Each structure stands twice: as C-alpha cells, then as structure tokens.
C-alpha cells in the first residue's frame, strides 16, 4: 500500500543509547518540505520537555555515583597543657624550646565512619532503581512526544486539506454564480436566486479563511514541539492524508508489559522498597573507628591509640522515617496498578477507535463520497438546463462539501488511531511493508 508504515518492535537500548536515538543527526532548522519521520526526528533532538527529561537521567546517574562513594574520614588535631602563667619559655623541656620539644600534649586523630546493616547496599540498589526509572521515564516522554508529533502532523495536513476542500467548494459556487448572472439576464432565474448562490459562496470563502487560520496554528504547533524559538509555520507536509490513512499497526509487534511508563512505575516500587529497607537498617547504629597519635615530651613517650564510638539507639528507633517509607511504597504500588490498568485500557480503546475509523474512512471513500459527487454533478447539469431548483443545487453543494470534509476527517482519524494503537502497544514507527488489519483488506 502506498504510504503504509510497519510498526515493529524497538530493540532494547544500551545505557549509552538510553538518551539518544541511533541515526539521529543535528538539525539546523525546519526543512521547507517535511515528512512524518523527519518531524519525529527533529522533535526527538530539540523538544524542550525531552531535554528536561534527559537532564533527569543525568541526575539519576549522579545519584548512582554518590551511592558508591565512601564517607570521608575526619582529621582532628588538638594541643593541650599549654602553660598560660607567663615566664621565660614556661613549656620548654630538656630537649629544647622548639614547638616539637615543648611539653605540650598534642594529639592527632583520624575518625572513619563505617556503615553496617546493609545501608550501603540498600542505598546503591535505590539509586540503581532510580536510574532505571529515570531512563524509563525518558523513554516514556519520548513515546508521548512521538504520539504528540504524529497527531500534530496529521492535524496540520487535515487543516490544509480542509482549506483545499472549502476553497474548491467556494470556487465551484462562484462559478455557479457567474452562470446565474447569465441566466438572470435571460430571465430564467430571479435576483433572489442569484443572491442566494453568492451568499453561499461568500460563506464558504469565509470558512476557507477561518480554515487557513487553523492550518497556520497547526503548523506552528508542530514547530513548538520542535523547540523552534520563533515559529513561522511556513513548512509544508510531503505526505497526504490518503497516504497517512494507510498507516497500519502491526499487532504482532511490541510488548505492552514493557511499555516505558509501566517500567518506570515498576522501578518506582523497587526504589521505594529499597528506601524502606534503608530506613529499617538505619535503626542499627553505625560505628566510627578512631586511630590517634599522642605526643607529650619530656617524660611521656609518644603513644598511639584506637577507639570506637556509636550512638545508642535508646530514644530514637527511626520509627517515623520507616512509617513514611512504608507509605511511599504503598503509594508506588497503587500507582503501578493504576498504570498497568491504563496501559491495557489504552490498547483496548485505541483498537476500537482504529477499527471504527478505518471502517468509516473506507465507507466514505468507496461509497458516500462517490455518490455525493455524482449527485452534485447531476443536479448541476439539471440546474444549468433549468430542470433543477436552486435549493436543490445549494443542498447538493453543501452535502458534497460536508462529505469531503468528513472524508478528510475520517482519514485523519484512521491515521491518528493507527499511531495511537502502535505506541500504546509499545511498538515503533518504521517505514516498511504494510501489515493491515482485516478491516482494511
């Protein structure tokens, strides 16, 4: 089928590819002629929300680094027994009066905190789960952007198609108005009949002007998704609605259970569980080991010492933080259930929408639109020969215009539903041979 698209499964990305799509290249600006795949690639590289989501991945990666770092040791130095009574060199000894020979009691000590009870492991596991969740959230932001760009691109083509239909309908009626002027001179119609035709033509021209404004807004909306600082809406689509209506989701591709928003929710549950384990481990006091060197001449030899200190968990057993962590985990589990339900609800509704839109478009294209065009052609011929009333001509013109607009809307709905179904099933958009649903065969 011309313009058809296969929606295949995306291969698992490596960590290095987590925030960059293979094959993407820097884009200096928006091309004057744009296809859907180009629009998606530009948005993937420049969209502001996606850039912010990428920063979240970098922050999560930084937290992984922090979780693997050991606490720094502390160095303490103290000097005591300094004679404050005055006199000549009150702290001098037989060894002399240098700083090192005076009878000061000087102590150098190093303290090192050591985490026990699984705190370090829980913290690292939590950071890893947070990193995996950030990557999944980035991919879901990318999936959502993919859907948004595809819908906006189709909406822009639909708006342009509506302008075309309304302009053609207005031109057709304007031509009829010229014919009516000749018939008015011949006395075949009244001035009121001619006026009705001109009024209807004016209405269609005004509707076409409004459609042009909608078309411009739709083109600007795409550039907003591109991150363009000064949108102009001057690009044109290289594809038609008829081509995009042949978008066909491959229902065998993709795995809904690995959809990024579901993966992110699962990672949030794991992170919450590790955070709870960390808070429970915080009930176990961490020891601080001490090693010191003491220098006190002249009669005391240099000495070394070791020691250990730790807080006594008598008054505080970290109960409040544990309770809060349990609440966070329960919330994450509830959110996971909600997301899981939403994933399958998206698939069910998008499947139904695709089948309905596909059938509607096929019926409009094969049955309704040809009949409407044939009726209009017949009434136009009869009207020119004086065999049809003006009201019949105007009604046929309106019906044909409405049917053409509805056909364009059905094509856009079919393309949008195909994209929505594909991305809801966690598949990707790739140009290839079409695998249509039975309703399209």
Foldseek 3Di string as FASTA:
>chain_A
DFLEWEWFFDDDDDPVCLLPDPPQDDDPDDDQEDALVRLLSLLSVAFPVLVVLVVQLVVLVVQLVVLPDFDDKDKDKDKDPDDPPDDDLPQADPVGNDPQRGQIKIKIKIKGWDADQCLSVLSNQLSVLSNQLSSLVSVLVSLVLSLVLLLLVLQLQLLVLLLVLLVVLLVVLVVVLVLVVVVVVVVLDDPVLSVVSNVLSVVSVVVSVVSVVVSQVSLQVSVNSSNDPDGDSSHHYPDHLVSLLNYAYDPVHFALCVRSVLSSLVSQLSSLVSQLSNLQSVLDWIKMKMKMWIRGDDPDHIDIDIDIDTDDNDPDSSVVVNVVSVVSNVVSVVVSVVVVVVLVVLLVVLVVQLLVLSLVLVCLVPPVQVVLVVLLVVQVVCVSVSNHDSVSNVVSSVSNSVSSSVNSVSSSSNSSSSSSNSSSRNTRIDHDDHDHDPSND
